């Protein structure tokens, strides 16, 4: 069983785009740019916060805004991977293995 399973979300996003005839706009370039914009919107929330404020953001009035931007990021990421034919579930699992090798935990060479 995969760590995450984006299959149902990919199908829902495909249907959402299909119902609006957005497939022609959902090119890798456009989706990558939209993803970048959403990440920038998340960064903007934290831009002038202190470290303490950023740590406590989910107890602030910005909490809902953070949730919405994270959701936008996830949606565009899943849609982009789907359009590119990338199995995001597999890619994430492989990347975690690579990261574990690159950055072994102390005592685990």
PDB file of N, CA and C in Angstrom:
ATOM      1  N   UNK A   1       0.848  -1.185   0.000  1.00  0.00           N
ATOM      2  CA  UNK A   1       0.000   0.000   0.000  1.00  0.00           C
ATOM      3  C   UNK A   1       0.893   1.248   0.000  1.00  0.00           C
ATOM      4  N   UNK A   2       0.605   2.214  -0.871  1.00  0.00           N
ATOM      5  CA  UNK A   2       1.434   3.417  -0.940  1.00  0.00           C
ATOM      6  C   UNK A   2       1.276   4.281   0.312  1.00  0.00           C
ATOM      7  N   UNK A   3       2.282   5.113   0.560  1.00  0.00           N
ATOM      8  CA  UNK A   3       2.220   6.035   1.692  1.00  0.00           C
ATOM      9  C   UNK A   3       1.062   7.015   1.532  1.00  0.00           C
ATOM     10  N   UNK A   4       0.881   7.478   0.309  1.00  0.00           N
ATOM     11  CA  UNK A   4      -0.275   8.304  -0.025  1.00  0.00           C
ATOM     12  C   UNK A   4      -0.902   7.705  -1.273  1.00  0.00           C
ATOM     13  N   UNK A   5      -2.136   8.068  -1.534  1.00  0.00           N
ATOM     14  CA  UNK A   5      -2.790   7.580  -2.747  1.00  0.00           C
ATOM     15  C   UNK A   5      -3.547   8.738  -3.380  1.00  0.00           C
ATOM     16  N   UNK A   6      -3.017   9.235  -4.469  1.00  0.00           N
ATOM     17  CA  UNK A   6      -3.612  10.387  -5.145  1.00  0.00           C
ATOM     18  C   UNK A   6      -4.595   9.990  -6.240  1.00  0.00           C
ATOM     19  N   UNK A   7      -4.864   8.708  -6.393  1.00  0.00           N
ATOM     20  CA  UNK A   7      -5.674   8.220  -7.507  1.00  0.00           C
ATOM     21  C   UNK A   7      -7.049   8.880  -7.570  1.00  0.00           C
ATOM     22  N   UNK A   8      -7.766   8.905  -6.474  1.00  0.00           N
ATOM     23  CA  UNK A   8      -9.110   9.507  -6.464  1.00  0.00           C
ATOM     24  C   UNK A   8      -9.047  11.009  -6.690  1.00  0.00           C
ATOM     25  N   UNK A   9      -8.036  11.656  -6.122  1.00  0.00           N
ATOM     26  CA  UNK A   9      -7.883  13.097  -6.318  1.00  0.00           C
ATOM     27  C   UNK A   9      -7.570  13.411  -7.779  1.00  0.00           C
ATOM     28  N   UNK A  10      -6.696  12.616  -8.395  1.00  0.00           N
ATOM     29  CA  UNK A  10      -6.393  12.808  -9.817  1.00  0.00           C
ATOM     30  C   UNK A  10      -7.663  12.705 -10.649  1.00  0.00           C
ATOM     31  N   UNK A  11      -8.494  11.711 -10.366  1.00  0.00           N
ATOM     32  CA  UNK A  11      -9.744  11.528 -11.108  1.00  0.00           C
ATOM     33  C   UNK A  11     -10.686  12.710 -10.889  1.00  0.00           C
ATOM     34  N   UNK A  12     -10.780  13.186  -9.660  1.00  0.00           N
ATOM     35  CA  UNK A  12     -11.653  14.323  -9.364  1.00  0.00           C
ATOM     36  C   UNK A  12     -11.168  15.585 -10.073  1.00  0.00           C
ATOM     37  N   UNK A  13      -9.861  15.797 -10.094  1.00  0.00           N
ATOM     38  CA  UNK A  13      -9.312  16.970 -10.774  1.00  0.00           C
ATOM     39  C   UNK A  13      -9.499  16.872 -12.282  1.00  0.00           C
ATOM     40  N   UNK A  14      -9.358  15.663 -12.822  1.00  0.00           N
ATOM     41  CA  UNK A  14      -9.586  15.457 -14.253  1.00  0.00           C
ATOM     42  C   UNK A  14     -11.043  15.787 -14.592  1.00  0.00           C
ATOM     43  N   UNK A  15     -11.960  15.299 -13.781  1.00  0.00           N
ATOM     44  CA  UNK A  15     -13.383  15.565 -14.008  1.00  0.00           C
ATOM     45  C   UNK A  15     -13.679  17.058 -13.887  1.00  0.00           C
ATOM     46  N   UNK A  16     -13.107  17.709 -12.894  1.00  0.00           N
ATOM     47  CA  UNK A  16     -13.304  19.148 -12.684  1.00  0.00           C
ATOM     48  C   UNK A  16     -12.860  19.923 -13.921  1.00  0.00           C
ATOM     49  N   UNK A  17     -11.671  19.587 -14.438  1.00  0.00           N
ATOM     50  CA  UNK A  17     -11.159  20.255 -15.645  1.00  0.00           C
ATOM     51  C   UNK A  17     -12.016  19.918 -16.856  1.00  0.00           C
ATOM     52  N   UNK A  18     -12.445  18.676 -16.942  1.00  0.00           N
ATOM     53  CA  UNK A  18     -13.268  18.222 -18.069  1.00  0.00           C
ATOM     54  C   UNK A  18     -14.594  18.986 -18.124  1.00  0.00           C
ATOM     55  N   UNK A  19     -15.227  19.137 -16.977  1.00  0.00           N
ATOM     56  CA  UNK A  19     -16.522  19.819 -16.913  1.00  0.00           C
ATOM     57  C   UNK A  19     -16.429  21.289 -17.317  1.00  0.00           C
ATOM     58  N   UNK A  20     -15.245  21.854 -17.240  1.00  0.00           N
ATOM     59  CA  UNK A  20     -15.045  23.267 -17.555  1.00  0.00           C
ATOM     60  C   UNK A  20     -14.262  23.478 -18.851  1.00  0.00           C
ATOM     61  N   UNK A  21     -13.949  22.380 -19.540  1.00  0.00           N
ATOM     62  CA  UNK A  21     -13.155  22.427 -20.761  1.00  0.00           C
ATOM     63  C   UNK A  21     -11.812  23.131 -20.518  1.00  0.00           C
ATOM     64  N   UNK A  22     -11.168  22.778 -19.421  1.00  0.00           N
ATOM     65  CA  UNK A  22      -9.896  23.401 -19.051  1.00  0.00           C
ATOM     66  C   UNK A  22      -8.683  22.586 -19.480  1.00  0.00           C
ATOM     67  N   UNK A  23      -8.888  21.413 -20.047  1.00  0.00           N
ATOM     68  CA  UNK A  23      -7.736  20.578 -20.393  1.00  0.00           C
ATOM     69  C   UNK A  23      -6.767  21.311 -21.313  1.00  0.00           C
ATOM     70  N   UNK A  24      -7.275  22.107 -22.231  1.00  0.00           N
ATOM     71  CA  UNK A  24      -6.387  22.819 -23.155  1.00  0.00           C
ATOM     72  C   UNK A  24      -5.518  23.840 -22.432  1.00  0.00           C
ATOM     73  N   UNK A  25      -5.968  24.297 -21.268  1.00  0.00           N
ATOM     74  CA  UNK A  25      -5.191  25.253 -20.476  1.00  0.00           C
ATOM     75  C   UNK A  25      -4.248  24.553 -19.494  1.00  0.00           C
ATOM     76  N   UNK A  26      -4.526  23.299 -19.207  1.00  0.00           N
ATOM     77  CA  UNK A  26      -3.738  22.562 -18.220  1.00  0.00           C
ATOM     78  C   UNK A  26      -2.531  21.900 -18.872  1.00  0.00           C
ATOM     79  N   UNK A  27      -1.659  22.751 -19.397  1.00  0.00           N
ATOM     80  CA  UNK A  27      -0.399  22.273 -19.959  1.00  0.00           C
ATOM     81  C   UNK A  27       0.620  22.217 -18.829  1.00  0.00           C
ATOM     82  N   UNK A  28       1.685  21.434 -18.993  1.00  0.00           N
ATOM     83  CA  UNK A  28       2.703  21.406 -17.944  1.00  0.00           C
ATOM     84  C   UNK A  28       3.230  22.802 -17.595  1.00  0.00           C
ATOM     85  N   UNK A  29       3.466  23.626 -18.601  1.00  0.00           N
ATOM     86  CA  UNK A  29       3.973  24.986 -18.358  1.00  0.00           C
ATOM     87  C   UNK A  29       2.986  25.782 -17.512  1.00  0.00           C
ATOM     88  N   UNK A  30       1.727  25.790 -17.916  1.00  0.00           N
ATOM     89  CA  UNK A  30       0.727  26.571 -17.187  1.00  0.00           C
ATOM     90  C   UNK A  30       0.525  26.058 -15.765  1.00  0.00           C
ATOM     91  N   UNK A  31       0.497  24.758 -15.608  1.00  0.00           N
ATOM     92  CA  UNK A  31       0.309  24.185 -14.276  1.00  0.00           C
ATOM     93  C   UNK A  31       1.515  24.441 -13.384  1.00  0.00           C
ATOM     94  N   UNK A  32       2.722  24.364 -13.942  1.00  0.00           N
ATOM     95  CA  UNK A  32       3.926  24.655 -13.154  1.00  0.00           C
ATOM     96  C   UNK A  32       3.934  26.118 -12.715  1.00  0.00           C
ATOM     97  N   UNK A  33       3.532  27.003 -13.618  1.00  0.00           N
ATOM     98  CA  UNK A  33       3.475  28.423 -13.254  1.00  0.00           C
ATOM     99  C   UNK A  33       2.411  28.665 -12.187  1.00  0.00           C
ATOM    100  N   UNK A  34       1.248  28.040 -12.328  1.00  0.00           N
ATOM    101  CA  UNK A  34       0.188  28.197 -11.332  1.00  0.00           C
ATOM    102  C   UNK A  34       0.635  27.656  -9.975  1.00  0.00           C
ATOM    103  N   UNK A  35       1.340  26.534  -9.986  1.00  0.00           N
ATOM    104  CA  UNK A  35       1.874  25.962  -8.748  1.00  0.00           C
ATOM    105  C   UNK A  35       2.833  26.943  -8.085  1.00  0.00           C
ATOM    106  N   UNK A  36       3.698  27.545  -8.884  1.00  0.00           N
ATOM    107  CA  UNK A  36       4.654  28.522  -8.372  1.00  0.00           C
ATOM    108  C   UNK A  36       3.940  29.722  -7.748  1.00  0.00           C
ATOM    109  N   UNK A  37       2.885  30.181  -8.375  1.00  0.00           N
ATOM    110  CA  UNK A  37       2.110  31.307  -7.845  1.00  0.00           C
ATOM    111  C   UNK A  37       1.498  30.944  -6.497  1.00  0.00           C
ATOM    112  N   UNK A  38       0.958  29.744  -6.388  1.00  0.00           N
ATOM    113  CA  UNK A  38       0.352  29.327  -5.120  1.00  0.00           C
ATOM    114  C   UNK A  38       1.397  29.207  -4.014  1.00  0.00           C
ATOM    115  N   UNK A  39       2.578  28.712  -4.350  1.00  0.00           N
ATOM    116  CA  UNK A  39       3.661  28.649  -3.358  1.00  0.00           C
ATOM    117  C   UNK A  39       4.038  30.064  -2.929  1.00  0.00           C
ATOM    118  N   UNK A  40       4.106  30.987  -3.887  1.00  0.00           N
ATOM    119  CA  UNK A  40       4.425  32.380  -3.559  1.00  0.00           C
ATOM    120  C   UNK A  40       3.361  32.988  -2.646  1.00  0.00           C
ATOM    121  N   UNK A  41       2.106  32.626  -2.856  1.00  0.00           N
ATOM    122  CA  UNK A  41       1.043  33.131  -1.986  1.00  0.00           C
ATOM    123  C   UNK A  41       1.199  32.597  -0.564  1.00  0.00           C
ATOM    124  N   UNK A  42       1.659  31.370  -0.415  1.00  0.00           N
ATOM    125  CA  UNK A  42       1.941  30.829   0.915  1.00  0.00           C
ATOM    126  C   UNK A  42       3.128  31.557   1.539  1.00  0.00           C
ATOM    127  N   UNK A  43       4.163  31.771   0.759  1.00  0.00           N
ATOM    128  CA  UNK A  43       5.349  32.486   1.251  1.00  0.00           C
ATOM    129  C   UNK A  43       4.968  33.884   1.723  1.00  0.00           C
ATOM    130  N   UNK A  44       4.068  34.523   0.990  1.00  0.00           N
ATOM    131  CA  UNK A  44       3.652  35.882   1.339  1.00  0.00           C
ATOM    132  C   UNK A  44       3.067  35.956   2.751  1.00  0.00           C
ATOM    133  N   UNK A  45       2.388  34.920   3.178  1.00  0.00           N
ATOM    134  CA  UNK A  45       1.824  34.891   4.532  1.00  0.00           C
ATOM    135  C   UNK A  45       2.935  35.007   5.573  1.00  0.00           C
ATOM    136  N   UNK A  46       4.048  34.338   5.305  1.00  0.00           N
ATOM    137  CA  UNK A  46       5.148  34.276   6.272  1.00  0.00           C
ATOM    138  C   UNK A  46       6.191  35.378   6.081  1.00  0.00           C
ATOM    139  N   UNK A  47       6.097  36.106   4.997  1.00  0.00           N
ATOM    140  CA  UNK A  47       7.166  37.010   4.573  1.00  0.00           C
ATOM    141  C   UNK A  47       7.711  37.905   5.682  1.00  0.00           C
ATOM    142  N   UNK A  48       6.882  38.556   6.428  1.00  0.00           N
ATOM    143  CA  UNK A  48       7.362  39.503   7.435  1.00  0.00           C
ATOM    144  C   UNK A  48       7.109  39.022   8.859  1.00  0.00           C
ATOM    145  N   UNK A  49       6.831  37.754   9.012  1.00  0.00           N
ATOM    146  CA  UNK A  49       6.624  37.214  10.353  1.00  0.00           C
ATOM    147  C   UNK A  49       7.964  36.895  11.010  1.00  0.00           C
ATOM    148  N   UNK A  50       7.983  37.002  12.315  1.00  0.00           N
ATOM    149  CA  UNK A  50       9.151  36.545  13.066  1.00  0.00           C
ATOM    150  C   UNK A  50       9.125  35.020  13.089  1.00  0.00           C
ATOM    151  N   UNK A  51      10.212  34.428  13.545  1.00  0.00           N
ATOM    152  CA  UNK A  51      10.235  32.965  13.681  1.00  0.00           C
ATOM    153  C   UNK A  51       9.119  32.502  14.618  1.00  0.00           C
ATOM    154  N   UNK A  52       8.935  33.217  15.726  1.00  0.00           N
ATOM    155  CA  UNK A  52       7.893  32.842  16.692  1.00  0.00           C
ATOM    156  C   UNK A  52       6.499  32.955  16.071  1.00  0.00           C
ATOM    157  N   UNK A  53       6.259  34.019  15.318  1.00  0.00           N
ATOM    158  CA  UNK A  53       4.955  34.182  14.664  1.00  0.00           C
ATOM    159  C   UNK A  53       4.705  33.074  13.645  1.00  0.00           C
ATOM    160  N   UNK A  54       5.752  32.713  12.912  1.00  0.00           N
ATOM    161  CA  UNK A  54       5.578  31.654  11.907  1.00  0.00           C
ATOM    162  C   UNK A  54       5.298  30.309  12.572  1.00  0.00           C
ATOM    163  N   UNK A  55       5.896  30.068  13.724  1.00  0.00           N
ATOM    164  CA  UNK A  55       5.649  28.820  14.453  1.00  0.00           C
ATOM    165  C   UNK A  55       4.218  28.757  14.982  1.00  0.00           C
ATOM    166  N   UNK A  56       3.633  29.915  15.262  1.00  0.00           N
ATOM    167  CA  UNK A  56       2.292  29.972  15.855  1.00  0.00           C
ATOM    168  C   UNK A  56       1.213  30.332  14.830  1.00  0.00           C
ATOM    169  N   UNK A  57       1.533  30.285  13.555  1.00  0.00           N
ATOM    170  CA  UNK A  57       0.593  30.760  12.532  1.00  0.00           C
ATOM    171  C   UNK A  57      -0.744  30.025  12.562  1.00  0.00           C
ATOM    172  N   UNK A  58      -0.753  28.765  12.945  1.00  0.00           N
ATOM    173  CA  UNK A  58      -2.006  28.009  12.937  1.00  0.00           C
ATOM    174  C   UNK A  58      -2.901  28.350  14.135  1.00  0.00           C
ATOM    175  N   UNK A  59      -2.404  29.190  15.030  1.00  0.00           N
ATOM    176  CA  UNK A  59      -3.227  29.709  16.117  1.00  0.00           C
ATOM    177  C   UNK A  59      -3.550  31.181  15.866  1.00  0.00           C
ATOM    178  N   UNK A  60      -3.309  31.655  14.655  1.00  0.00           N
ATOM    179  CA  UNK A  60      -3.525  33.060  14.310  1.00  0.00           C
ATOM    180  C   UNK A  60      -4.706  33.192  13.350  1.00  0.00           C
ATOM    181  N   UNK A  61      -5.118  34.420  13.085  1.00  0.00           N
ATOM    182  CA  UNK A  61      -6.183  34.631  12.097  1.00  0.00           C
ATOM    183  C   UNK A  61      -5.804  34.163  10.685  1.00  0.00           C
ATOM    184  N   UNK A  62      -4.528  33.930  10.425  1.00  0.00           N
ATOM    185  CA  UNK A  62      -4.066  33.482   9.108  1.00  0.00           C
ATOM    186  C   UNK A  62      -4.183  31.970   8.912  1.00  0.00           C
ATOM    187  N   UNK A  63      -4.612  31.241   9.932  1.00  0.00           N
ATOM    188  CA  UNK A  63      -4.640  29.774   9.860  1.00  0.00           C
ATOM    189  C   UNK A  63      -5.448  29.273   8.667  1.00  0.00           C
ATOM    190  N   UNK A  64      -6.622  29.792   8.478  1.00  0.00           N
ATOM    191  CA  UNK A  64      -7.475  29.342   7.359  1.00  0.00           C
ATOM    192  C   UNK A  64      -6.823  29.663   6.020  1.00  0.00           C
ATOM    193  N   UNK A  65      -6.184  30.821   5.930  1.00  0.00           N
ATOM    194  CA  UNK A  65      -5.490  31.214   4.703  1.00  0.00           C
ATOM    195  C   UNK A  65      -4.352  30.234   4.402  1.00  0.00           C
ATOM    196  N   UNK A  66      -3.597  29.850   5.415  1.00  0.00           N
ATOM    197  CA  UNK A  66      -2.520  28.866   5.241  1.00  0.00           C
ATOM    198  C   UNK A  66      -3.099  27.555   4.719  1.00  0.00           C
ATOM    199  N   UNK A  67      -4.172  27.089   5.320  1.00  0.00           N
ATOM    200  CA  UNK A  67      -4.813  25.839   4.873  1.00  0.00           C
ATOM    201  C   UNK A  67      -5.224  25.920   3.408  1.00  0.00           C
ATOM    202  N   UNK A  68      -5.824  27.036   3.020  1.00  0.00           N
ATOM    203  CA  UNK A  68      -6.282  27.190   1.637  1.00  0.00           C
ATOM    204  C   UNK A  68      -5.116  27.196   0.653  1.00  0.00           C
ATOM    205  N   UNK A  69      -4.036  27.880   1.000  1.00  0.00           N
ATOM    206  CA  UNK A  69      -2.878  27.917   0.098  1.00  0.00           C
ATOM    207  C   UNK A  69      -2.223  26.540   0.004  1.00  0.00           C
ATOM    208  N   UNK A  70      -2.120  25.827   1.123  1.00  0.00           N
ATOM    209  CA  UNK A  70      -1.562  24.471   1.075  1.00  0.00           C
ATOM    210  C   UNK A  70      -2.429  23.562   0.209  1.00  0.00           C
ATOM    211  N   UNK A  71      -3.741  23.711   0.313  1.00  0.00           N
ATOM    212  CA  UNK A  71      -4.639  22.914  -0.529  1.00  0.00           C
ATOM    213  C   UNK A  71      -4.445  23.258  -2.000  1.00  0.00           C
ATOM    214  N   UNK A  72      -4.341  24.550  -2.319  1.00  0.00           N
ATOM    215  CA  UNK A  72      -4.089  24.953  -3.709  1.00  0.00           C
ATOM    216  C   UNK A  72      -2.800  24.336  -4.233  1.00  0.00           C
ATOM    217  N   UNK A  73      -1.759  24.363  -3.410  1.00  0.00           N
ATOM    218  CA  UNK A  73      -0.461  23.795  -3.803  1.00  0.00           C
ATOM    219  C   UNK A  73      -0.605  22.303  -4.081  1.00  0.00           C
ATOM    220  N   UNK A  74      -1.272  21.600  -3.179  1.00  0.00           N
ATOM    221  CA  UNK A  74      -1.450  20.156  -3.354  1.00  0.00           C
ATOM    222  C   UNK A  74      -2.251  19.851  -4.617  1.00  0.00           C
ATOM    223  N   UNK A  75      -3.305  20.613  -4.853  1.00  0.00           N
ATOM    224  CA  UNK A  75      -4.139  20.374  -6.034  1.00  0.00           C
ATOM    225  C   UNK A  75      -3.357  20.585  -7.325  1.00  0.00           C
ATOM    226  N   UNK A  76      -2.621  21.678  -7.406  1.00  0.00           N
ATOM    227  CA  UNK A  76      -1.832  21.923  -8.618  1.00  0.00           C
ATOM    228  C   UNK A  76      -0.716  20.897  -8.775  1.00  0.00           C
ATOM    229  N   UNK A  77      -0.102  20.481  -7.675  1.00  0.00           N
ATOM    230  CA  UNK A  77       0.957  19.475  -7.749  1.00  0.00           C
ATOM    231  C   UNK A  77       0.416  18.154  -8.281  1.00  0.00           C
ATOM    232  N   UNK A  78      -0.710  17.725  -7.757  1.00  0.00           N
ATOM    233  CA  UNK A  78      -1.306  16.461  -8.207  1.00  0.00           C
ATOM    234  C   UNK A  78      -1.760  16.573  -9.656  1.00  0.00           C
ATOM    235  N   UNK A  79      -2.354  17.689 -10.021  1.00  0.00           N
ATOM    236  CA  UNK A  79      -2.802  17.864 -11.408  1.00  0.00           C
ATOM    237  C   UNK A  79      -1.610  17.877 -12.363  1.00  0.00           C
ATOM    238  N   UNK A  80      -0.538  18.576 -11.999  1.00  0.00           N
ATOM    239  CA  UNK A  80       0.659  18.623 -12.843  1.00  0.00           C
ATOM    240  C   UNK A  80       1.258  17.238 -13.011  1.00  0.00           C
ATOM    241  N   UNK A  81       1.378  16.497 -11.927  1.00  0.00           N
ATOM    242  CA  UNK A  81       1.950  15.150 -12.027  1.00  0.00           C
ATOM    243  C   UNK A  81       1.079  14.263 -12.905  1.00  0.00           C
ATOM    244  N   UNK A  82      -0.228  14.414 -12.800  1.00  0.00           N
ATOM    245  CA  UNK A  82      -1.148  13.624 -13.615  1.00  0.00           C
ATOM    246  C   UNK A  82      -1.003  13.965 -15.097  1.00  0.00           C
ATOM    247  N   UNK A  83      -0.963  15.248 -15.421  1.00  0.00           N
ATOM    248  CA  UNK A  83      -0.825  15.682 -16.816  1.00  0.00           C
ATOM    249  C   UNK A  83       0.496  15.193 -17.407  1.00  0.00           C
ATOM    250  N   UNK A  84       1.543  15.167 -16.578  1.00  0.00           N
ATOM    251  CA  UNK A  84       2.855  14.702 -17.045  1.00  0.00           C
ATOM    252  C   UNK A  84       2.966  13.183 -17.081  1.00  0.00           C
ATOM    253  N   UNK A  85       1.994  12.489 -16.502  1.00  0.00           N
ATOM    254  CA  UNK A  85       2.058  11.033 -16.457  1.00  0.00           C
ATOM    255  C   UNK A  85       2.996  10.510 -15.390  1.00  0.00           C
ATOM    256  N   UNK A  86       3.262  11.334 -14.386  1.00  0.00           N
ATOM    257  CA  UNK A  86       4.137  10.940 -13.280  1.00  0.00           C
ATOM    258  C   UNK A  86       3.293  10.243 -12.219  1.00  0.00           C
ATOM    259  N   UNK A  87       3.729   9.066 -11.808  1.00  0.00           N
ATOM    260  CA  UNK A  87       3.081   8.370 -10.698  1.00  0.00           C
ATOM    261  C   UNK A  87       3.613   9.009  -9.416  1.00  0.00           C
ATOM    262  N   UNK A  88       2.880   9.980  -8.907  1.00  0.00           N
ATOM    263  CA  UNK A  88       3.339  10.748  -7.756  1.00  0.00           C
ATOM    264  C   UNK A  88       3.525   9.867  -6.529  1.00  0.00           C
ATOM    265  N   UNK A  89       2.671   8.876  -6.363  1.00  0.00           N
ATOM    266  CA  UNK A  89       2.803   7.952  -5.232  1.00  0.00           C
ATOM    267  C   UNK A  89       4.166   7.263  -5.269  1.00  0.00           C
ATOM    268  N   UNK A  90       4.534   6.720  -6.434  1.00  0.00           N
ATOM    269  CA  UNK A  90       5.815   6.035  -6.602  1.00  0.00           C
ATOM    270  C   UNK A  90       6.974   7.020  -6.456  1.00  0.00           C
ATOM    271  N   UNK A  91       6.855   8.189  -7.074  1.00  0.00           N
ATOM    272  CA  UNK A  91       7.932   9.178  -7.029  1.00  0.00           C
ATOM    273  C   UNK A  91       8.234   9.608  -5.596  1.00  0.00           C
ATOM    274  N   UNK A  92       7.197   9.784  -4.791  1.00  0.00           N
ATOM    275  CA  UNK A  92       7.391  10.172  -3.392  1.00  0.00           C
ATOM    276  C   UNK A  92       8.088   9.063  -2.621  1.00  0.00           C
ATOM    277  N   UNK A  93       7.633   7.838  -2.802  1.00  0.00           N
ATOM    278  CA  UNK A  93       8.271   6.721  -2.101  1.00  0.00           C
ATOM    279  C   UNK A  93       9.738   6.592  -2.496  1.00  0.00           C
ATOM    280  N   UNK A  94      10.039   6.709  -3.800  1.00  0.00           N
ATOM    281  CA  UNK A  94      11.428   6.623  -4.260  1.00  0.00           C
ATOM    282  C   UNK A  94      12.261   7.762  -3.690  1.00  0.00           C
ATOM    283  N   UNK A  95      11.705   8.961  -3.638  1.00  0.00           N
ATOM    284  CA  UNK A  95      12.444  10.112  -3.121  1.00  0.00           C
ATOM    285  C   UNK A  95      12.735   9.956  -1.634  1.00  0.00           C
ATOM    286  N   UNK A  96      11.798   9.395  -0.883  1.00  0.00           N
ATOM    287  CA  UNK A  96      12.047   9.155   0.541  1.00  0.00           C
ATOM    288  C   UNK A  96      13.199   8.181   0.743  1.00  0.00           C
ATOM    289  N   UNK A  97      13.275   7.151  -0.093  1.00  0.00           N
ATOM    290  CA  UNK A  97      14.378   6.187  -0.016  1.00  0.00           C
ATOM    291  C   UNK A  97      15.693   6.887  -0.348  1.00  0.00           C
ATOM    292  N   UNK A  98      15.699   7.687  -1.415  1.00  0.00           N
ATOM    293  CA  UNK A  98      16.915   8.422  -1.791  1.00  0.00           C
ATOM    294  C   UNK A  98      17.344   9.374  -0.683  1.00  0.00           C
ATOM    295  N   UNK A  99      16.396  10.077  -0.082  1.00  0.00           N
ATOM    296  CA  UNK A  99      16.727  10.998   1.007  1.00  0.00           C
ATOM    297  C   UNK A  99      17.287  10.261   2.217  1.00  0.00           C
ATOM    298  N   UNK A 100      16.746   9.082   2.513  1.00  0.00           N
ATOM    299  CA  UNK A 100      17.252   8.297   3.645  1.00  0.00           C
ATOM    300  C   UNK A 100      18.694   7.870   3.401  1.00  0.00           C
ATOM    301  N   UNK A 101      19.021   7.548   2.161  1.00  0.00           N
ATOM    302  CA  UNK A 101      20.409   7.192   1.834  1.00  0.00           C
ATOM    303  C   UNK A 101      21.315   8.416   1.886  1.00  0.00           C
ATOM    304  N   UNK A 102      20.828   9.525   1.382  1.00  0.00           N
ATOM    305  CA  UNK A 102      21.630  10.751   1.317  1.00  0.00           C
ATOM    306  C   UNK A 102      21.829  11.361   2.701  1.00  0.00           C
ATOM    307  N   UNK A 103      20.809  11.260   3.544  1.00  0.00           N
ATOM    308  CA  UNK A 103      20.846  11.846   4.881  1.00  0.00           C
ATOM    309  C   UNK A 103      20.514  10.775   5.912  1.00  0.00           C
ATOM    310  N   UNK A 104      21.438   9.833   6.148  1.00  0.00           N
ATOM    311  CA  UNK A 104      21.142   8.755   7.097  1.00  0.00           C
ATOM    312  C   UNK A 104      20.959   9.298   8.516  1.00  0.00           C
ATOM    313  N   UNK A 105      20.074   8.645   9.243  1.00  0.00           N
ATOM    314  CA  UNK A 105      19.855   9.014  10.639  1.00  0.00           C
ATOM    315  C   UNK A 105      21.112   8.686  11.432  1.00  0.00           C
ATOM    316  N   UNK A 106      21.397   9.455  12.475  1.00  0.00           N
ATOM    317  CA  UNK A 106      22.571   9.155  13.298  1.00  0.00           C
ATOM    318  C   UNK A 106      22.527   7.708  13.783  1.00  0.00           C
ATOM    319  N   UNK A 107      23.624   7.013  13.628  1.00  0.00           N
ATOM    320  CA  UNK A 107      23.711   5.615  14.024  1.00  0.00           C
ATOM    321  C   UNK A 107      23.263   4.653  12.946  1.00  0.00           C
ATOM    322  N   UNK A 108      22.812   5.151  11.793  1.00  0.00           N
ATOM    323  CA  UNK A 108      22.394   4.314  10.663  1.00  0.00           C
ATOM    324  C   UNK A 108      23.197   4.696   9.426  1.00  0.00           C
ATOM    325  N   UNK A 109      24.417   4.191   9.331  1.00  0.00           N
ATOM    326  CA  UNK A 109      25.250   4.599   8.181  1.00  0.00           C
ATOM    327  C   UNK A 109      24.715   4.108   6.853  1.00  0.00           C
TER     328      UNK A 109
END
